[in-house]
Amino acid sequence: MAKIIVVGSASIDLVVTSSKRPGAGETVLGDSFKTVPGGKGANQAVAAARLGANVTMVGRVGDDHYADIILNNFKNNHVSIDYVEPVTHMESGTAHIVLAEGDNSIVVVKAANHEVTPAYIDQSLAAFDDADMVMIQQEIPEETVMHVGRLCKERGIPLLLNPAPARPLPQEVIDNAAYITPNEHEAAILFPDLNVAEALRQYPNKLFITEGSRGVRYFDGNDEVLVPSYKVEAVDTTGAGDTFNAAFAVALAEGKPVYDSVRFANRAASLSVTKFGAQGGMPYREEVEAQL
């Protein structure tokens, strides 16, 4: 069983569904409202655990009711919370999500997730012992992403960086990551002076650009490869990227070849969008393998 450490955010998603997305200054009537566990870090931790990995979460929550929901959800999904420490006098992170017109719009409030600091990582070093893979995203401070990259480089642990939400990154962060998984928008921000083909060739078997319904593109050292996605009837696309990243990390940590790892991740992501909620549709290992 692969041991995966997820450093990142743990939040509550406040999800509204509507047939129409409101414009600036506009009010529309929604169809439903739900409160569900989320946060990119937590989503990836839950997805990896469901796919068969031994997962430890490194993160923070607040001292509110939402924290209880977040922690109980980790326990129910067999994610270790030994390194998820509540922050007193602070709210848990939230994501405010509008599902409309076949896609989502999201506003993230970091709150306690902002306290996933380099100092907190240093308090949690034991979590990294014998790790097969570390996963990290960008709903936590930028200096923490850099610190974890250095830590993984020093310890020889592969780091999978999901650079979302998008922001420019120091070259050191890119260099220290073993795998980087932006979507097309994020890739344009990371590599503003390169087109897609140039960026992929500069980072063979390292840069994997997700292209939604088209699939995932990377350069294998000889050729540019597009691994196609799977066609499904989408109910909620929230969390599809997190499922892809988790499945990709699990497959790589288990020693699967790169192409097979991307294919496994694409299949998992396609299943995740067939149900409501970022985590609601995240599949279990047997579901993915049955569809492969």
Protein backbone atom coordinates (compact mmCIF):
# COMPACT_ATOMS: atom_id res chain seq x y z
CA MET A 1 0.00 0.00 0.00
CA ALA A 2 1.48 3.33 -1.08
CA LYS A 3 2.05 5.91 1.65
CA ILE A 4 0.95 9.37 0.53
CA ILE A 5 1.22 12.62 2.48
CA VAL A 6 -1.13 15.43 1.49
CA VAL A 7 -0.14 18.94 2.56
CA GLY A 8 -2.94 21.37 1.93
CA SER A 9 -6.32 22.86 2.66
CA ALA A 10 -9.30 21.36 4.45
CA SER A 11 -12.50 23.33 4.13
CA ILE A 12 -16.27 23.26 3.96
CA ASP A 13 -17.93 23.76 0.59
CA LEU A 14 -21.10 25.85 0.54
CA VAL A 15 -22.67 24.82 -2.75
CA VAL A 16 -25.50 26.53 -4.62
CA THR A 17 -27.01 25.11 -7.80
CA SER A 18 -28.78 27.33 -10.29
CA SER A 19 -29.84 27.19 -13.91
CA LYS A 20 -28.22 30.61 -14.48
CA ARG A 21 -24.99 32.16 -13.22
CA PRO A 22 -25.58 35.70 -11.91
CA GLY A 23 -23.69 38.56 -13.47
CA ALA A 24 -22.33 41.55 -11.56
CA GLY A 25 -25.14 43.18 -9.58
CA GLU A 26 -27.62 40.49 -10.61
CA THR A 27 -29.78 38.30 -8.35
CA VAL A 28 -31.07 34.94 -9.57
CA LEU A 29 -33.11 32.22 -7.87
CA GLY A 30 -31.18 29.07 -7.02
CA ASP A 31 -32.37 25.49 -7.09
CA SER A 32 -30.62 23.99 -4.05
CA PHE A 33 -28.02 24.57 -1.33
CA LYS A 34 -25.76 22.01 0.35
CA THR A 35 -22.90 22.03 2.85
CA VAL A 36 -20.23 19.39 2.14
CA PRO A 37 -16.57 18.79 3.10
CA GLY A 38 -14.03 20.13 0.62
CA GLY A 39 -10.75 21.98 0.20
CA LYS A 40 -8.27 20.86 -2.45
CA GLY A 41 -6.00 19.16 0.06
CA ALA A 42 -8.80 17.32 1.79
CA ASN A 43 -10.37 16.34 -1.52
CA GLN A 44 -7.13 14.82 -2.73
CA ALA A 45 -6.54 13.04 0.57
CA VAL A 46 -10.01 11.46 0.55
CA ALA A 47 -9.71 10.46 -3.11
CA ALA A 48 -6.29 8.86 -2.57
CA ALA A 49 -7.55 6.92 0.44
CA ARG A 50 -10.57 5.61 -1.49
CA LEU A 51 -8.20 4.50 -4.23
CA GLY A 52 -6.24 2.33 -1.84
CA ALA A 53 -3.41 4.49 -0.46
CA ASN A 54 -2.33 4.92 3.15
CA VAL A 55 -2.96 8.67 3.47
CA THR A 56 -1.90 11.21 6.09
CA MET A 57 -3.25 14.75 5.95
CA VAL A 58 -1.09 17.68 7.08
CA GLY A 59 -3.29 20.75 7.54
CA ARG A 60 -5.26 23.01 9.86
CA VAL A 61 -8.90 23.59 10.77
CA GLY A 62 -10.61 26.23 12.91
CA ASP A 63 -12.31 25.89 16.27
CA ASP A 64 -15.83 25.97 14.84
CA HIS A 65 -18.55 23.47 14.00
CA TYR A 66 -17.17 23.09 10.49
CA ALA A 67 -13.96 21.66 11.96
CA ASP A 68 -15.89 18.77 13.51
CA ILE A 69 -17.44 17.97 10.13
CA ILE A 70 -14.06 18.09 8.40
CA LEU A 71 -12.31 15.87 10.95
CA ASN A 72 -15.12 13.32 11.10
CA ASN A 73 -15.11 13.13 7.33
CA PHE A 74 -11.39 12.33 7.34
CA LYS A 75 -11.97 9.58 9.90
CA ASN A 76 -14.85 8.11 7.91
CA ASN A 77 -12.60 7.96 4.83
CA HIS A 78 -9.64 6.42 6.69
CA VAL A 79 -7.38 9.46 6.35
CA SER A 80 -4.98 9.96 9.27
CA ILE A 81 -5.52 13.28 11.07
CA ASP A 82 -2.55 13.02 13.43
CA TYR A 83 -1.19 16.18 11.81
CA VAL A 84 -4.40 18.20 11.45
CA GLU A 85 -4.31 20.64 14.36
CA PRO A 86 -7.17 23.06 15.15
CA VAL A 87 -6.36 26.78 15.23
CA THR A 88 -8.04 28.54 18.15
CA HIS A 89 -10.04 31.74 17.64
CA MET A 90 -10.22 31.21 13.86
CA GLU A 91 -12.77 29.84 11.43
CA SER A 92 -12.22 26.83 9.22
CA GLY A 93 -11.67 27.48 5.54
CA THR A 94 -14.67 27.72 3.24
CA ALA A 95 -15.32 27.53 -0.48
CA HIS A 96 -18.40 29.23 -1.89
CA ILE A 97 -19.42 27.38 -5.04
CA VAL A 98 -22.01 28.16 -7.70
CA LEU A 99 -22.94 25.29 -10.02
CA ALA A 100 -24.63 26.70 -13.11
CA GLU A 101 -24.70 26.27 -16.87
CA GLY A 102 -22.70 23.03 -16.75
CA ASP A 103 -19.70 24.39 -14.84
CA ASN A 104 -18.65 25.87 -11.50
CA SER A 105 -17.47 29.21 -10.09
CA ILE A 106 -15.65 29.18 -6.75
CA VAL A 107 -14.58 31.78 -4.15
CA VAL A 108 -12.18 30.37 -1.55
CA VAL A 109 -11.68 31.87 1.94
CA LYS A 110 -8.45 30.42 3.41
CA ALA A 111 -9.06 31.16 7.13
CA ALA A 112 -7.33 28.37 9.14
CA ASN A 113 -5.69 27.02 5.99
CA HIS A 114 -3.47 30.10 6.02
CA GLU A 115 -1.90 28.68 9.20
CA VAL A 116 -0.36 25.74 7.31
CA THR A 117 2.97 27.52 7.64
CA PRO A 118 6.59 26.38 7.19
CA ALA A 119 6.87 26.28 10.99
CA TYR A 120 3.86 23.98 11.16
CA ILE A 121 5.45 21.71 8.55
CA ASP A 122 8.59 21.55 10.69
CA GLN A 123 6.43 20.40 13.62
CA SER A 124 5.01 17.65 11.40
CA LEU A 125 8.22 16.20 9.95
CA ALA A 126 7.54 12.73 11.32
CA ALA A 127 4.60 12.47 8.93
CA PHE A 128 7.03 12.40 5.99
CA ASP A 129 8.97 9.34 7.17
CA ASP A 130 8.86 6.55 4.56
CA ALA A 131 6.50 8.52 2.30
CA ASP A 132 6.20 7.29 -1.28
CA MET A 133 4.69 10.55 -2.54
CA VAL A 134 3.83 14.02 -1.22
CA MET A 135 0.98 16.02 -2.74
CA ILE A 136 0.55 19.77 -2.40
CA GLN A 137 -1.69 22.52 -3.83
CA GLN A 138 -1.92 26.31 -3.54
CA GLU A 139 -4.75 27.05 -1.10
CA ILE A 140 -2.02 27.39 1.55
CA PRO A 141 0.76 30.02 1.86
CA GLU A 142 3.24 30.27 -1.02
CA GLU A 143 6.21 30.01 1.34
CA THR A 144 4.88 26.67 2.60
CA VAL A 145 4.78 25.27 -0.93
CA MET A 146 8.41 26.31 -1.36
CA HIS A 147 9.37 24.87 2.04
CA VAL A 148 7.77 21.50 1.32
CA GLY A 149 9.48 21.40 -2.08
CA ARG A 150 12.86 21.83 -0.42
CA LEU A 151 12.00 19.22 2.20
CA CYS A 152 11.01 16.66 -0.44
CA LYS A 153 14.13 17.40 -2.49
CA GLU A 154 16.35 16.87 0.55
CA ARG A 155 14.63 13.62 1.50
CA GLY A 156 14.32 12.25 -2.01
CA ILE A 157 10.50 12.09 -1.86
CA PRO A 158 8.61 12.70 -5.13
CA LEU A 159 6.43 15.81 -4.90
CA LEU A 160 3.28 16.17 -6.99
CA LEU A 161 2.41 19.86 -7.27
CA ASN A 162 -1.12 20.74 -8.33
CA PRO A 163 -0.64 24.50 -8.97
CA ALA A 164 -4.21 25.56 -8.20
CA PRO A 165 -5.41 28.19 -7.59
CA ALA A 166 -3.06 29.58 -10.22
CA ARG A 167 -0.26 31.98 -9.36
CA PRO A 168 3.26 32.52 -10.74
CA LEU A 169 5.81 30.23 -9.12
CA PRO A 170 9.52 30.68 -8.39
CA GLN A 171 11.69 28.46 -10.58
CA GLU A 172 12.89 26.67 -7.44
CA VAL A 173 9.39 25.37 -6.75
CA ILE A 174 9.07 24.04 -10.29
CA ASP A 175 12.52 22.45 -10.14
CA ASN A 176 11.84 20.71 -6.81
CA ALA A 177 8.57 19.12 -7.94
CA ALA A 178 8.68 15.68 -9.56
CA TYR A 179 5.29 16.15 -11.21
CA ILE A 180 3.29 19.32 -12.01
CA THR A 181 -0.37 19.11 -13.06
CA PRO A 182 -1.82 22.44 -14.21
CA ASN A 183 -4.87 22.91 -16.36
CA GLU A 184 -4.50 25.02 -19.51
CA HIS A 185 -5.22 28.30 -17.70
CA GLU A 186 -2.75 27.50 -14.91
CA ALA A 187 -0.07 26.41 -17.39
CA ALA A 188 -0.31 29.78 -19.16
CA ILE A 189 0.36 31.54 -15.84
CA LEU A 190 3.23 29.22 -14.88
CA PHE A 191 4.94 29.45 -18.28
CA PRO A 192 3.93 32.82 -19.78
CA ASP A 193 6.83 32.87 -22.23
CA LEU A 194 6.26 29.35 -23.59
CA ASN A 195 3.51 27.80 -25.65
CA VAL A 196 2.12 24.42 -24.62
CA ALA A 197 4.45 22.38 -26.82
CA GLU A 198 7.53 24.30 -25.63
CA ALA A 199 6.60 23.94 -21.97
CA LEU A 200 5.96 20.22 -22.29
CA ARG A 201 9.28 19.62 -24.06
CA GLN A 202 11.12 21.56 -21.38
CA TYR A 203 9.68 19.28 -18.67
CA PRO A 204 9.36 15.74 -20.11
CA ASN A 205 7.43 13.27 -17.95
CA LYS A 206 7.07 16.03 -15.37
CA LEU A 207 4.55 18.52 -16.73
CA PHE A 208 1.04 17.12 -17.27
CA ILE A 209 -1.50 19.61 -18.63
CA THR A 210 -5.13 18.67 -18.06
CA GLU A 211 -7.39 19.72 -20.93
CA GLY A 212 -10.84 18.89 -19.61
CA SER A 213 -12.90 16.77 -21.98
CA ARG A 214 -9.93 16.30 -24.35
CA GLY A 215 -7.73 14.54 -21.81
CA VAL A 216 -4.21 15.07 -20.44
CA ARG A 217 -1.17 16.09 -22.47
CA TYR A 218 2.51 15.49 -21.69
CA PHE A 219 5.86 14.93 -23.44
CA ASP A 220 7.42 11.50 -22.90
CA GLY A 221 10.94 12.45 -24.04
CA ASN A 222 10.28 11.53 -27.65
CA ASP A 223 6.71 12.46 -28.50
CA GLU A 224 3.89 14.66 -27.24
CA VAL A 225 1.22 12.35 -25.85
CA LEU A 226 -2.50 13.05 -25.35
CA VAL A 227 -4.20 10.54 -23.06
CA PRO A 228 -7.91 10.89 -23.88
CA SER A 229 -10.55 11.38 -21.23
CA TYR A 230 -13.64 9.21 -20.79
CA LYS A 231 -17.05 10.47 -21.90
CA VAL A 232 -19.69 10.54 -19.15
CA GLU A 233 -22.82 12.49 -18.26
CA ALA A 234 -21.50 15.14 -15.86
CA VAL A 235 -23.57 16.08 -12.80
CA ASP A 236 -20.99 18.16 -10.89
CA THR A 237 -17.45 18.86 -12.12
CA THR A 238 -16.27 20.15 -8.71
CA GLY A 239 -13.43 17.94 -7.50
CA ALA A 240 -12.65 16.29 -10.84
CA GLY A 241 -9.17 17.80 -10.87
CA ASP A 242 -8.55 16.74 -7.29
CA THR A 243 -9.62 13.19 -8.13
CA PHE A 244 -7.30 13.16 -11.13
CA ASN A 245 -4.35 14.32 -9.02
CA ALA A 246 -5.00 11.80 -6.27
CA ALA A 247 -5.40 8.90 -8.68
CA PHE A 248 -2.30 9.95 -10.61
CA ALA A 249 -0.29 10.11 -7.37
CA VAL A 250 -1.53 6.71 -6.19
CA ALA A 251 -0.72 5.03 -9.50
CA LEU A 252 2.76 6.59 -9.68
CA ALA A 253 3.49 5.73 -6.05
CA GLU A 254 2.57 2.12 -6.80
CA GLY A 255 5.10 2.07 -9.63
CA LYS A 256 2.75 2.13 -12.62
CA PRO A 257 4.15 3.52 -15.91
CA VAL A 258 3.36 7.15 -16.65
CA TYR A 259 0.86 6.50 -19.45
CA ASP A 260 -1.01 3.91 -17.40
CA SER A 261 -1.02 6.26 -14.41
CA VAL A 262 -2.59 9.06 -16.45
CA ARG A 263 -5.15 6.65 -17.90
CA PHE A 264 -6.06 5.41 -14.41
CA ALA A 265 -6.39 9.02 -13.22
CA ASN A 266 -8.56 10.00 -16.18
CA ARG A 267 -10.92 7.12 -15.48
CA ALA A 268 -11.18 8.06 -11.78
CA ALA A 269 -11.82 11.73 -12.65
CA SER A 270 -14.53 10.79 -15.14
CA LEU A 271 -16.37 8.79 -12.50
CA SER A 272 -16.10 11.63 -9.97
CA VAL A 273 -18.25 14.01 -12.00
CA THR A 274 -21.24 11.67 -12.16
CA LYS A 275 -22.38 12.52 -8.62
CA PHE A 276 -22.89 15.69 -6.57
CA GLY A 277 -20.17 17.29 -4.47
CA ALA A 278 -16.39 17.48 -4.70
CA GLN A 279 -16.06 14.28 -2.67
CA GLY A 280 -19.50 12.80 -3.30
CA GLY A 281 -18.53 11.20 -6.58
CA MET A 282 -14.94 10.27 -5.77
CA PRO A 283 -14.69 6.59 -6.69
CA TYR A 284 -13.27 3.63 -4.80
CA ARG A 285 -10.47 1.51 -6.25
CA GLU A 286 -12.71 -1.33 -7.36
CA GLU A 287 -15.00 1.06 -9.27
CA VAL A 288 -12.11 2.47 -11.29
CA GLU A 289 -10.58 -0.89 -12.05
CA ALA A 290 -13.95 -2.28 -13.12
CA GLN A 291 -14.30 0.56 -15.67
CA LEU A 292 -10.75 0.07 -16.99
